[in-house]
């Protein structure tokens, strides 16, 4: 497992908190592992809840019809990079 950056750790904490992932600590989330199916095993409802939490915390929206969502939500690392690029200053 590669180490998490500060941005990835912050996002992992939001992920665990907003999705109530009991038994998972933010530091245990591999930044390169898939968030859906294998990996963390999230589903589409989790994606909606996570997008809402990101919107509230970082001040921009992740649209459900964005054709890049599969890439954006591929892993913690991909999601953190997208958040860093789009977050409101």
PDB file of N, CA and C in Angstrom:
ATOM      1  N   UNK A   1       0.851  -1.182   0.000  1.00  0.00           N
ATOM      2  CA  UNK A   1       0.000   0.000   0.000  1.00  0.00           C
ATOM      3  C   UNK A   1       0.890   1.237   0.000  1.00  0.00           C
ATOM      4  N   UNK A   2       0.609   2.175  -0.894  1.00  0.00           N
ATOM      5  CA  UNK A   2       1.400   3.397  -0.914  1.00  0.00           C
ATOM      6  C   UNK A   2       0.865   4.359   0.154  1.00  0.00           C
ATOM      7  N   UNK A   3       1.736   5.208   0.683  1.00  0.00           N
ATOM      8  CA  UNK A   3       1.301   6.126   1.744  1.00  0.00           C
ATOM      9  C   UNK A   3       0.316   7.174   1.226  1.00  0.00           C
ATOM     10  N   UNK A   4      -0.559   7.629   2.104  1.00  0.00           N
ATOM     11  CA  UNK A   4      -1.532   8.656   1.745  1.00  0.00           C
ATOM     12  C   UNK A   4      -0.891  10.042   1.847  1.00  0.00           C
ATOM     13  N   UNK A   5      -1.284  10.926   0.949  1.00  0.00           N
ATOM     14  CA  UNK A   5      -0.896  12.330   1.070  1.00  0.00           C
ATOM     15  C   UNK A   5      -1.827  12.974   2.102  1.00  0.00           C
ATOM     16  N   UNK A   6      -1.541  14.209   2.497  1.00  0.00           N
ATOM     17  CA  UNK A   6      -2.420  14.904   3.437  1.00  0.00           C
ATOM     18  C   UNK A   6      -3.829  15.051   2.869  1.00  0.00           C
ATOM     19  N   UNK A   7      -3.927  15.392   1.581  1.00  0.00           N
ATOM     20  CA  UNK A   7      -5.232  15.555   0.935  1.00  0.00           C
ATOM     21  C   UNK A   7      -5.997  14.228   0.918  1.00  0.00           C
ATOM     22  N   UNK A   8      -5.292  13.135   0.662  1.00  0.00           N
ATOM     23  CA  UNK A   8      -5.937  11.805   0.640  1.00  0.00           C
ATOM     24  C   UNK A   8      -6.400  11.414   2.043  1.00  0.00           C
ATOM     25  N   UNK A   9      -5.598  11.732   3.048  1.00  0.00           N
ATOM     26  CA  UNK A   9      -5.974  11.404   4.421  1.00  0.00           C
ATOM     27  C   UNK A   9      -7.220  12.188   4.834  1.00  0.00           C
ATOM     28  N   UNK A  10      -7.256  13.474   4.478  1.00  0.00           N
ATOM     29  CA  UNK A  10      -8.420  14.313   4.786  1.00  0.00           C
ATOM     30  C   UNK A  10      -9.673  13.757   4.116  1.00  0.00           C
ATOM     31  N   UNK A  11      -9.548  13.358   2.867  1.00  0.00           N
ATOM     32  CA  UNK A  11     -10.678  12.801   2.130  1.00  0.00           C
ATOM     33  C   UNK A  11     -11.077  11.430   2.674  1.00  0.00           C
ATOM     34  N   UNK A  12     -10.099  10.629   3.081  1.00  0.00           N
ATOM     35  CA  UNK A  12     -10.389   9.320   3.677  1.00  0.00           C
ATOM     36  C   UNK A  12     -11.183   9.500   4.974  1.00  0.00           C
ATOM     37  N   UNK A  13     -10.839  10.514   5.751  1.00  0.00           N
ATOM     38  CA  UNK A  13     -11.581  10.788   6.991  1.00  0.00           C
ATOM     39  C   UNK A  13     -13.022  11.172   6.671  1.00  0.00           C
ATOM     40  N   UNK A  14     -13.212  12.011   5.648  1.00  0.00           N
ATOM     41  CA  UNK A  14     -14.559  12.397   5.233  1.00  0.00           C
ATOM     42  C   UNK A  14     -15.335  11.175   4.748  1.00  0.00           C
ATOM     43  N   UNK A  15     -14.689  10.319   4.003  1.00  0.00           N
ATOM     44  CA  UNK A  15     -15.308   9.108   3.461  1.00  0.00           C
ATOM     45  C   UNK A  15     -15.790   8.198   4.594  1.00  0.00           C
ATOM     46  N   UNK A  16     -14.922   7.923   5.551  1.00  0.00           N
ATOM     47  CA  UNK A  16     -15.276   7.037   6.667  1.00  0.00           C
ATOM     48  C   UNK A  16     -16.399   7.657   7.500  1.00  0.00           C
ATOM     49  N   UNK A  17     -16.288   8.969   7.744  1.00  0.00           N
ATOM     50  CA  UNK A  17     -17.277   9.671   8.556  1.00  0.00           C
ATOM     51  C   UNK A  17     -18.631   9.763   7.857  1.00  0.00           C
ATOM     52  N   UNK A  18     -18.652  10.163   6.589  1.00  0.00           N
ATOM     53  CA  UNK A  18     -19.926  10.381   5.902  1.00  0.00           C
ATOM     54  C   UNK A  18     -20.630   9.079   5.538  1.00  0.00           C
ATOM     55  N   UNK A  19     -19.874   7.998   5.341  1.00  0.00           N
ATOM     56  CA  UNK A  19     -20.487   6.725   4.968  1.00  0.00           C
ATOM     57  C   UNK A  19     -20.592   5.753   6.136  1.00  0.00           C
ATOM     58  N   UNK A  20     -20.217   6.219   7.335  1.00  0.00           N
ATOM     59  CA  UNK A  20     -20.272   5.370   8.530  1.00  0.00           C
ATOM     60  C   UNK A  20     -19.619   4.017   8.301  1.00  0.00           C
ATOM     61  N   UNK A  21     -18.392   4.036   7.816  1.00  0.00           N
ATOM     62  CA  UNK A  21     -17.673   2.788   7.547  1.00  0.00           C
ATOM     63  C   UNK A  21     -17.076   2.256   8.847  1.00  0.00           C
ATOM     64  N   UNK A  22     -17.917   1.601   9.615  1.00  0.00           N
ATOM     65  CA  UNK A  22     -17.464   1.062  10.896  1.00  0.00           C
ATOM     66  C   UNK A  22     -16.422  -0.015  10.669  1.00  0.00           C
ATOM     67  N   UNK A  23     -15.413   0.007  11.496  1.00  0.00           N
ATOM     68  CA  UNK A  23     -14.357  -0.987  11.387  1.00  0.00           C
ATOM     69  C   UNK A  23     -13.300  -0.629  10.361  1.00  0.00           C
ATOM     70  N   UNK A  24     -13.437   0.541   9.729  1.00  0.00           N
ATOM     71  CA  UNK A  24     -12.430   0.997   8.769  1.00  0.00           C
ATOM     72  C   UNK A  24     -11.861   2.309   9.264  1.00  0.00           C
ATOM     73  N   UNK A  25     -10.553   2.369   9.424  1.00  0.00           N
ATOM     74  CA  UNK A  25      -9.951   3.640   9.804  1.00  0.00           C
ATOM     75  C   UNK A  25      -9.456   4.320   8.530  1.00  0.00           C
ATOM     76  N   UNK A  26      -9.474   5.663   8.506  1.00  0.00           N
ATOM     77  CA  UNK A  26      -9.051   6.385   7.301  1.00  0.00           C
ATOM     78  C   UNK A  26      -7.651   5.984   6.824  1.00  0.00           C
ATOM     79  N   UNK A  27      -6.755   5.715   7.761  1.00  0.00           N
ATOM     80  CA  UNK A  27      -5.393   5.355   7.397  1.00  0.00           C
ATOM     81  C   UNK A  27      -5.260   3.994   6.745  1.00  0.00           C
ATOM     82  N   UNK A  28      -6.297   3.150   6.868  1.00  0.00           N
ATOM     83  CA  UNK A  28      -6.273   1.806   6.278  1.00  0.00           C
ATOM     84  C   UNK A  28      -6.661   1.805   4.804  1.00  0.00           C
ATOM     85  N   UNK A  29      -7.181   2.923   4.308  1.00  0.00           N
ATOM     86  CA  UNK A  29      -7.668   2.954   2.934  1.00  0.00           C
ATOM     87  C   UNK A  29      -6.484   3.153   1.993  1.00  0.00           C
ATOM     88  N   UNK A  30      -6.257   2.168   1.160  1.00  0.00           N
ATOM     89  CA  UNK A  30      -5.172   2.237   0.170  1.00  0.00           C
ATOM     90  C   UNK A  30      -5.567   3.287  -0.867  1.00  0.00           C
ATOM     91  N   UNK A  31      -4.741   4.342  -1.052  1.00  0.00           N
ATOM     92  CA  UNK A  31      -5.124   5.410  -1.977  1.00  0.00           C
ATOM     93  C   UNK A  31      -5.249   4.964  -3.433  1.00  0.00           C
ATOM     94  N   UNK A  32      -4.670   3.812  -3.759  1.00  0.00           N
ATOM     95  CA  UNK A  32      -4.733   3.344  -5.149  1.00  0.00           C
ATOM     96  C   UNK A  32      -5.741   2.207  -5.349  1.00  0.00           C
ATOM     97  N   UNK A  33      -6.340   1.723  -4.277  1.00  0.00           N
ATOM     98  CA  UNK A  33      -7.318   0.637  -4.381  1.00  0.00           C
ATOM     99  C   UNK A  33      -8.651   1.180  -4.904  1.00  0.00           C
ATOM    100  N   UNK A  34      -9.403   0.368  -5.626  1.00  0.00           N
ATOM    101  CA  UNK A  34     -10.714   0.814  -6.117  1.00  0.00           C
ATOM    102  C   UNK A  34     -11.645   1.136  -4.952  1.00  0.00           C
ATOM    103  N   UNK A  35     -12.480   2.154  -5.126  1.00  0.00           N
ATOM    104  CA  UNK A  35     -13.464   2.491  -4.094  1.00  0.00           C
ATOM    105  C   UNK A  35     -14.704   1.610  -4.213  1.00  0.00           C
ATOM    106  N   UNK A  36     -14.993   1.112  -5.429  1.00  0.00           N
ATOM    107  CA  UNK A  36     -16.209   0.333  -5.672  1.00  0.00           C
ATOM    108  C   UNK A  36     -15.868  -1.123  -5.945  1.00  0.00           C
ATOM    109  N   UNK A  37     -16.878  -1.975  -5.806  1.00  0.00           N
ATOM    110  CA  UNK A  37     -16.740  -3.422  -6.031  1.00  0.00           C
ATOM    111  C   UNK A  37     -15.616  -3.974  -5.159  1.00  0.00           C
ATOM    112  N   UNK A  38     -14.565  -4.479  -5.764  1.00  0.00           N
ATOM    113  CA  UNK A  38     -13.420  -4.913  -4.969  1.00  0.00           C
ATOM    114  C   UNK A  38     -12.838  -3.656  -4.346  1.00  0.00           C
ATOM    115  N   UNK A  39     -11.946  -3.781  -3.424  1.00  0.00           N
ATOM    116  CA  UNK A  39     -11.470  -2.585  -2.737  1.00  0.00           C
ATOM    117  C   UNK A  39     -12.401  -2.292  -1.574  1.00  0.00           C
ATOM    118  N   UNK A  40     -12.887  -1.050  -1.460  1.00  0.00           N
ATOM    119  CA  UNK A  40     -13.768  -0.687  -0.344  1.00  0.00           C
ATOM    120  C   UNK A  40     -15.165  -1.248  -0.472  1.00  0.00           C
ATOM    121  N   UNK A  41     -15.588  -1.593  -1.681  1.00  0.00           N
ATOM    122  CA  UNK A  41     -16.908  -2.187  -1.867  1.00  0.00           C
ATOM    123  C   UNK A  41     -18.049  -1.191  -1.790  1.00  0.00           C
ATOM    124  N   UNK A  42     -17.811   0.063  -2.138  1.00  0.00           N
ATOM    125  CA  UNK A  42     -18.879   1.055  -2.121  1.00  0.00           C
ATOM    126  C   UNK A  42     -19.864   0.788  -3.257  1.00  0.00           C
ATOM    127  N   UNK A  43     -21.069   1.352  -3.124  1.00  0.00           N
ATOM    128  CA  UNK A  43     -22.072   1.207  -4.179  1.00  0.00           C
ATOM    129  C   UNK A  43     -22.552   2.587  -4.628  1.00  0.00           C
ATOM    130  N   UNK A  44     -23.543   2.626  -5.489  1.00  0.00           N
ATOM    131  CA  UNK A  44     -23.983   3.903  -6.065  1.00  0.00           C
ATOM    132  C   UNK A  44     -24.585   4.845  -5.018  1.00  0.00           C
ATOM    133  N   UNK A  45     -25.251   4.302  -4.011  1.00  0.00           N
ATOM    134  CA  UNK A  45     -25.798   5.131  -2.931  1.00  0.00           C
ATOM    135  C   UNK A  45     -24.646   5.782  -2.167  1.00  0.00           C
ATOM    136  N   UNK A  46     -23.588   5.002  -1.912  1.00  0.00           N
ATOM    137  CA  UNK A  46     -22.401   5.562  -1.251  1.00  0.00           C
ATOM    138  C   UNK A  46     -21.811   6.693  -2.080  1.00  0.00           C
ATOM    139  N   UNK A  47     -21.790   6.532  -3.394  1.00  0.00           N
ATOM    140  CA  UNK A  47     -21.240   7.566  -4.275  1.00  0.00           C
ATOM    141  C   UNK A  47     -22.042   8.861  -4.149  1.00  0.00           C
ATOM    142  N   UNK A  48     -23.356   8.739  -4.078  1.00  0.00           N
ATOM    143  CA  UNK A  48     -24.202   9.929  -3.924  1.00  0.00           C
ATOM    144  C   UNK A  48     -23.947  10.611  -2.585  1.00  0.00           C
ATOM    145  N   UNK A  49     -23.870   9.822  -1.519  1.00  0.00           N
ATOM    146  CA  UNK A  49     -23.616  10.381  -0.196  1.00  0.00           C
ATOM    147  C   UNK A  49     -22.236  11.038  -0.132  1.00  0.00           C
ATOM    148  N   UNK A  50     -21.260  10.405  -0.738  1.00  0.00           N
ATOM    149  CA  UNK A  50     -19.905  10.941  -0.756  1.00  0.00           C
ATOM    150  C   UNK A  50     -19.848  12.237  -1.572  1.00  0.00           C
ATOM    151  N   UNK A  51     -20.537  12.266  -2.710  1.00  0.00           N
ATOM    152  CA  UNK A  51     -20.571  13.481  -3.534  1.00  0.00           C
ATOM    153  C   UNK A  51     -21.207  14.637  -2.761  1.00  0.00           C
ATOM    154  N   UNK A  52     -22.253  14.352  -1.988  1.00  0.00           N
ATOM    155  CA  UNK A  52     -22.907  15.377  -1.176  1.00  0.00           C
ATOM    156  C   UNK A  52     -21.961  15.886  -0.087  1.00  0.00           C
ATOM    157  N   UNK A  53     -21.271  14.981   0.574  1.00  0.00           N
ATOM    158  CA  UNK A  53     -20.324  15.366   1.625  1.00  0.00           C
ATOM    159  C   UNK A  53     -19.184  16.212   1.050  1.00  0.00           C
ATOM    160  N   UNK A  54     -18.697  15.850  -0.133  1.00  0.00           N
ATOM    161  CA  UNK A  54     -17.635  16.615  -0.791  1.00  0.00           C
ATOM    162  C   UNK A  54     -18.147  18.001  -1.152  1.00  0.00           C
ATOM    163  N   UNK A  55     -19.373  18.072  -1.655  1.00  0.00           N
ATOM    164  CA  UNK A  55     -19.978  19.353  -2.013  1.00  0.00           C
ATOM    165  C   UNK A  55     -20.058  20.273  -0.796  1.00  0.00           C
ATOM    166  N   UNK A  56     -20.511  19.733   0.339  1.00  0.00           N
ATOM    167  CA  UNK A  56     -20.645  20.531   1.560  1.00  0.00           C
ATOM    168  C   UNK A  56     -19.283  20.993   2.076  1.00  0.00           C
ATOM    169  N   UNK A  57     -18.307  20.105   2.056  1.00  0.00           N
ATOM    170  CA  UNK A  57     -17.008  20.433   2.636  1.00  0.00           C
ATOM    171  C   UNK A  57     -16.149  21.290   1.713  1.00  0.00           C
ATOM    172  N   UNK A  58     -16.157  20.994   0.422  1.00  0.00           N
ATOM    173  CA  UNK A  58     -15.197  21.638  -0.479  1.00  0.00           C
ATOM    174  C   UNK A  58     -15.808  22.686  -1.412  1.00  0.00           C
ATOM    175  N   UNK A  59     -17.125  22.827  -1.417  1.00  0.00           N
ATOM    176  CA  UNK A  59     -17.751  23.921  -2.143  1.00  0.00           C
ATOM    177  C   UNK A  59     -17.865  23.760  -3.649  1.00  0.00           C
ATOM    178  N   UNK A  60     -17.897  22.538  -4.141  1.00  0.00           N
ATOM    179  CA  UNK A  60     -18.185  22.313  -5.563  1.00  0.00           C
ATOM    180  C   UNK A  60     -18.956  21.021  -5.697  1.00  0.00           C
ATOM    181  N   UNK A  61     -19.691  20.888  -6.790  1.00  0.00           N
ATOM    182  CA  UNK A  61     -20.551  19.723  -6.960  1.00  0.00           C
ATOM    183  C   UNK A  61     -19.956  18.707  -7.918  1.00  0.00           C
ATOM    184  N   UNK A  62     -20.158  17.454  -7.567  1.00  0.00           N
ATOM    185  CA  UNK A  62     -19.847  16.337  -8.463  1.00  0.00           C
ATOM    186  C   UNK A  62     -21.173  15.924  -9.073  1.00  0.00           C
ATOM    187  N   UNK A  63     -21.310  16.106 -10.344  1.00  0.00           N
ATOM    188  CA  UNK A  63     -22.580  15.824 -11.031  1.00  0.00           C
ATOM    189  C   UNK A  63     -22.699  14.336 -11.358  1.00  0.00           C
ATOM    190  N   UNK A  64     -23.896  13.793 -11.152  1.00  0.00           N
ATOM    191  CA  UNK A  64     -24.103  12.361 -11.390  1.00  0.00           C
ATOM    192  C   UNK A  64     -23.998  12.001 -12.867  1.00  0.00           C
ATOM    193  N   UNK A  65     -24.215  12.978 -13.750  1.00  0.00           N
ATOM    194  CA  UNK A  65     -24.167  12.682 -15.181  1.00  0.00           C
ATOM    195  C   UNK A  65     -22.806  12.994 -15.807  1.00  0.00           C
ATOM    196  N   UNK A  66     -21.804  13.262 -14.978  1.00  0.00           N
ATOM    197  CA  UNK A  66     -20.466  13.554 -15.497  1.00  0.00           C
ATOM    198  C   UNK A  66     -19.857  12.276 -16.063  1.00  0.00           C
ATOM    199  N   UNK A  67     -19.466  12.317 -17.326  1.00  0.00           N
ATOM    200  CA  UNK A  67     -18.917  11.116 -17.963  1.00  0.00           C
ATOM    201  C   UNK A  67     -17.559  10.717 -17.384  1.00  0.00           C
ATOM    202  N   UNK A  68     -16.928  11.599 -16.616  1.00  0.00           N
ATOM    203  CA  UNK A  68     -15.635  11.283 -15.999  1.00  0.00           C
ATOM    204  C   UNK A  68     -15.766  10.647 -14.615  1.00  0.00           C
ATOM    205  N   UNK A  69     -16.993  10.440 -14.131  1.00  0.00           N
ATOM    206  CA  UNK A  69     -17.175   9.931 -12.769  1.00  0.00           C
ATOM    207  C   UNK A  69     -16.458   8.609 -12.522  1.00  0.00           C
ATOM    208  N   UNK A  70     -16.452   7.742 -13.512  1.00  0.00           N
ATOM    209  CA  UNK A  70     -15.784   6.444 -13.327  1.00  0.00           C
ATOM    210  C   UNK A  70     -14.295   6.660 -13.028  1.00  0.00           C
ATOM    211  N   UNK A  71     -13.697   7.626 -13.714  1.00  0.00           N
ATOM    212  CA  UNK A  71     -12.285   7.951 -13.477  1.00  0.00           C
ATOM    213  C   UNK A  71     -12.120   8.696 -12.144  1.00  0.00           C
ATOM    214  N   UNK A  72     -13.001   9.671 -11.888  1.00  0.00           N
ATOM    215  CA  UNK A  72     -12.901  10.489 -10.668  1.00  0.00           C
ATOM    216  C   UNK A  72     -13.027   9.617  -9.426  1.00  0.00           C
ATOM    217  N   UNK A  73     -13.981   8.688  -9.428  1.00  0.00           N
ATOM    218  CA  UNK A  73     -14.229   7.840  -8.263  1.00  0.00           C
ATOM    219  C   UNK A  73     -13.466   6.513  -8.317  1.00  0.00           C
ATOM    220  N   UNK A  74     -12.486   6.404  -9.188  1.00  0.00           N
ATOM    221  CA  UNK A  74     -11.756   5.142  -9.343  1.00  0.00           C
ATOM    222  C   UNK A  74     -11.031   4.736  -8.059  1.00  0.00           C
ATOM    223  N   UNK A  75     -10.443   5.708  -7.371  1.00  0.00           N
ATOM    224  CA  UNK A  75      -9.679   5.413  -6.161  1.00  0.00           C
ATOM    225  C   UNK A  75      -9.640   6.662  -5.292  1.00  0.00           C
ATOM    226  N   UNK A  76      -9.191   6.503  -4.069  1.00  0.00           N
ATOM    227  CA  UNK A  76      -9.021   7.645  -3.175  1.00  0.00           C
ATOM    228  C   UNK A  76      -8.058   8.653  -3.796  1.00  0.00           C
ATOM    229  N   UNK A  77      -6.998   8.168  -4.412  1.00  0.00           N
ATOM    230  CA  UNK A  77      -5.995   9.051  -5.017  1.00  0.00           C
ATOM    231  C   UNK A  77      -6.610   9.881  -6.153  1.00  0.00           C
ATOM    232  N   UNK A  78      -7.393   9.242  -7.027  1.00  0.00           N
ATOM    233  CA  UNK A  78      -8.029   9.950  -8.144  1.00  0.00           C
ATOM    234  C   UNK A  78      -9.038  10.973  -7.627  1.00  0.00           C
ATOM    235  N   UNK A  79      -9.816  10.594  -6.618  1.00  0.00           N
ATOM    236  CA  UNK A  79     -10.818  11.489  -6.055  1.00  0.00           C
ATOM    237  C   UNK A  79     -10.152  12.679  -5.363  1.00  0.00           C
ATOM    238  N   UNK A  80      -9.093  12.430  -4.611  1.00  0.00           N
ATOM    239  CA  UNK A  80      -8.374  13.514  -3.929  1.00  0.00           C
ATOM    240  C   UNK A  80      -7.780  14.488  -4.944  1.00  0.00           C
ATOM    241  N   UNK A  81      -7.239  13.982  -6.036  1.00  0.00           N
ATOM    242  CA  UNK A  81      -6.668  14.851  -7.072  1.00  0.00           C
ATOM    243  C   UNK A  81      -7.753  15.727  -7.684  1.00  0.00           C
ATOM    244  N   UNK A  82      -8.930  15.149  -7.923  1.00  0.00           N
ATOM    245  CA  UNK A  82     -10.042  15.907  -8.492  1.00  0.00           C
ATOM    246  C   UNK A  82     -10.511  16.983  -7.516  1.00  0.00           C
ATOM    247  N   UNK A  83     -10.620  16.631  -6.248  1.00  0.00           N
ATOM    248  CA  UNK A  83     -11.050  17.599  -5.217  1.00  0.00           C
ATOM    249  C   UNK A  83     -10.053  18.747  -5.133  1.00  0.00           C
ATOM    250  N   UNK A  84      -8.759  18.432  -5.115  1.00  0.00           N
ATOM    251  CA  UNK A  84      -7.741  19.478  -5.023  1.00  0.00           C
ATOM    252  C   UNK A  84      -7.815  20.424  -6.217  1.00  0.00           C
ATOM    253  N   UNK A  85      -8.133  19.889  -7.368  1.00  0.00           N
ATOM    254  CA  UNK A  85      -8.189  20.686  -8.587  1.00  0.00           C
ATOM    255  C   UNK A  85      -9.423  21.606  -8.610  1.00  0.00           C
ATOM    256  N   UNK A  86     -10.511  21.190  -7.971  1.00  0.00           N
ATOM    257  CA  UNK A  86     -11.774  21.916  -8.100  1.00  0.00           C
ATOM    258  C   UNK A  86     -12.282  22.600  -6.836  1.00  0.00           C
ATOM    259  N   UNK A  87     -11.658  22.374  -5.714  1.00  0.00           N
ATOM    260  CA  UNK A  87     -12.182  22.920  -4.457  1.00  0.00           C
ATOM    261  C   UNK A  87     -12.194  24.442  -4.479  1.00  0.00           C
ATOM    262  N   UNK A  88     -13.179  25.011  -3.806  1.00  0.00           N
ATOM    263  CA  UNK A  88     -13.276  26.462  -3.718  1.00  0.00           C
ATOM    264  C   UNK A  88     -12.182  26.987  -2.800  1.00  0.00           C
ATOM    265  N   UNK A  89     -11.527  28.030  -3.197  1.00  0.00           N
ATOM    266  CA  UNK A  89     -10.422  28.572  -2.394  1.00  0.00           C
ATOM    267  C   UNK A  89     -10.945  29.339  -1.192  1.00  0.00           C
TER     268      UNK A  89
END
